[in-house]
Amino acid sequence: MPSRSGSGPPTRRQQRSLRIEVGNTEPGVPAATGVSGGRGLIGLRERLAVYGGTLRAGARPGAGYHVEAVIPWEAT
């Protein structure tokens, strides 16, 4: 069952995991210039993997982008 609290992304508690999905349907925009200091999606994927989680990210058909993180309850 999806829930929404505050201004955070929608989350879904499943029987054995927590799923967080974030996305948009806007056309792509140029990447910001400058140094970000982070590792972006690679860093998120690595951090989730430490706890047995997964990260899927990619373009949506047509326009937009979708990111989905799944974390097993045993890890939380």
C-alpha atoms as a PDB file:
ATOM      1  CA  MET A   1       0.000   0.000   0.000  1.00  0.00           C
ATOM      2  CA  PRO A   2       1.601   3.323  -1.050  1.00  0.00           C
ATOM      3  CA  SER A   3       1.920   6.049   1.534  1.00  0.00           C
ATOM      4  CA  ARG A   4       3.055   9.633   1.440  1.00  0.00           C
ATOM      5  CA  SER A   5       4.263  11.664   4.374  1.00  0.00           C
ATOM      6  CA  GLY A   6       5.565  15.209   4.184  1.00  0.00           C
ATOM      7  CA  SER A   7       7.226  16.080   0.936  1.00  0.00           C
ATOM      8  CA  GLY A   8       9.185  12.832   0.528  1.00  0.00           C
ATOM      9  CA  PRO A   9       8.767  10.313  -2.260  1.00  0.00           C
ATOM     10  CA  PRO A  10       5.985   7.728  -2.281  1.00  0.00           C
ATOM     11  CA  THR A  11       6.965   4.557  -0.451  1.00  0.00           C
ATOM     12  CA  ARG A  12       5.442   1.110  -0.482  1.00  0.00           C
ATOM     13  CA  ARG A  13       5.842  -1.361   2.353  1.00  0.00           C
ATOM     14  CA  GLN A  14       5.856  -4.844   0.955  1.00  0.00           C
ATOM     15  CA  GLN A  15       5.897  -8.092   2.863  1.00  0.00           C
ATOM     16  CA  ARG A  16       9.690  -8.382   2.900  1.00  0.00           C
ATOM     17  CA  SER A  17      10.983  -5.045   1.647  1.00  0.00           C
ATOM     18  CA  LEU A  18      10.630  -1.287   1.444  1.00  0.00           C
ATOM     19  CA  ARG A  19      10.243   0.147  -2.073  1.00  0.00           C
ATOM     20  CA  ILE A  20      10.834   3.825  -2.829  1.00  0.00           C
ATOM     21  CA  GLU A  21      10.016   5.195  -6.265  1.00  0.00           C
ATOM     22  CA  VAL A  22      10.800   8.634  -7.662  1.00  0.00           C
ATOM     23  CA  GLY A  23      10.187   9.812 -11.186  1.00  0.00           C
ATOM     24  CA  ASN A  24       9.046  12.511 -13.497  1.00  0.00           C
ATOM     25  CA  THR A  25       7.514  12.816 -16.935  1.00  0.00           C
ATOM     26  CA  GLU A  26       9.327  15.949 -18.056  1.00  0.00           C
ATOM     27  CA  PRO A  27      11.636  15.984 -21.064  1.00  0.00           C
ATOM     28  CA  GLY A  28      15.316  15.706 -20.188  1.00  0.00           C
ATOM     29  CA  VAL A  29      17.266  18.777 -19.176  1.00  0.00           C
ATOM     30  CA  PRO A  30      21.004  19.370 -19.504  1.00  0.00           C
ATOM     31  CA  ALA A  31      23.107  18.174 -16.580  1.00  0.00           C
ATOM     32  CA  ALA A  32      24.153  20.801 -14.070  1.00  0.00           C
ATOM     33  CA  THR A  33      27.678  22.055 -14.471  1.00  0.00           C
ATOM     34  CA  GLY A  34      30.234  22.115 -11.708  1.00  0.00           C
ATOM     35  CA  VAL A  35      31.509  19.571  -9.235  1.00  0.00           C
ATOM     36  CA  SER A  36      28.811  17.644  -7.398  1.00  0.00           C
ATOM     37  CA  GLY A  37      31.087  15.952  -4.874  1.00  0.00           C
ATOM     38  CA  GLY A  38      29.017  12.759  -5.010  1.00  0.00           C
ATOM     39  CA  ARG A  39      28.834   9.616  -7.058  1.00  0.00           C
ATOM     40  CA  GLY A  40      25.207   9.832  -8.062  1.00  0.00           C
ATOM     41  CA  LEU A  41      23.378   6.664  -9.021  1.00  0.00           C
ATOM     42  CA  ILE A  42      26.537   4.559  -8.823  1.00  0.00           C
ATOM     43  CA  GLY A  43      27.002   5.558  -5.186  1.00  0.00           C
ATOM     44  CA  LEU A  44      23.346   4.885  -4.361  1.00  0.00           C
ATOM     45  CA  ARG A  45      23.508   1.471  -6.015  1.00  0.00           C
ATOM     46  CA  GLU A  46      26.655   0.563  -4.053  1.00  0.00           C
ATOM     47  CA  ARG A  47      25.179   1.714  -0.741  1.00  0.00           C
ATOM     48  CA  LEU A  48      21.979  -0.257  -1.279  1.00  0.00           C
ATOM     49  CA  ALA A  49      23.927  -3.377  -2.277  1.00  0.00           C
ATOM     50  CA  VAL A  50      25.685  -3.347   1.112  1.00  0.00           C
ATOM     51  CA  TYR A  51      22.287  -4.063   2.688  1.00  0.00           C
ATOM     52  CA  GLY A  52      21.054  -6.465   0.021  1.00  0.00           C
ATOM     53  CA  GLY A  53      19.037  -3.788  -1.752  1.00  0.00           C
ATOM     54  CA  THR A  54      18.718  -2.892  -5.406  1.00  0.00           C
ATOM     55  CA  LEU A  55      18.459   0.266  -7.478  1.00  0.00           C
ATOM     56  CA  ARG A  56      16.894   0.534 -10.911  1.00  0.00           C
ATOM     57  CA  ALA A  57      17.047   3.777 -12.833  1.00  0.00           C
ATOM     58  CA  GLY A  58      16.468   4.824 -16.399  1.00  0.00           C
ATOM     59  CA  ALA A  59      14.578   6.840 -18.919  1.00  0.00           C
ATOM     60  CA  ARG A  60      10.834   6.363 -19.231  1.00  0.00           C
ATOM     61  CA  PRO A  61       9.392   5.689 -22.677  1.00  0.00           C
ATOM     62  CA  GLY A  62       8.629   9.038 -24.279  1.00  0.00           C
ATOM     63  CA  ALA A  63      10.025  11.398 -21.663  1.00  0.00           C
ATOM     64  CA  GLY A  64      11.090  11.506 -18.060  1.00  0.00           C
ATOM     65  CA  TYR A  65      13.115   9.383 -15.694  1.00  0.00           C
ATOM     66  CA  HIS A  66      12.332   6.751 -13.056  1.00  0.00           C
ATOM     67  CA  VAL A  67      14.328   5.589 -10.014  1.00  0.00           C
ATOM     68  CA  GLU A  68      13.299   2.667  -7.804  1.00  0.00           C
ATOM     69  CA  ALA A  69      15.117   1.500  -4.656  1.00  0.00           C
ATOM     70  CA  VAL A  70      14.216  -1.724  -2.845  1.00  0.00           C
ATOM     71  CA  ILE A  71      15.604  -2.520   0.605  1.00  0.00           C
ATOM     72  CA  PRO A  72      14.926  -5.832   2.382  1.00  0.00           C
ATOM     73  CA  TRP A  73      13.324  -5.477   5.820  1.00  0.00           C
ATOM     74  CA  GLU A  74      16.043  -7.646   7.326  1.00  0.00           C
ATOM     75  CA  ALA A  75      18.540  -4.900   6.455  1.00  0.00           C
ATOM     76  CA  THR A  76      16.562  -2.059   8.034  1.00  0.00           C
END
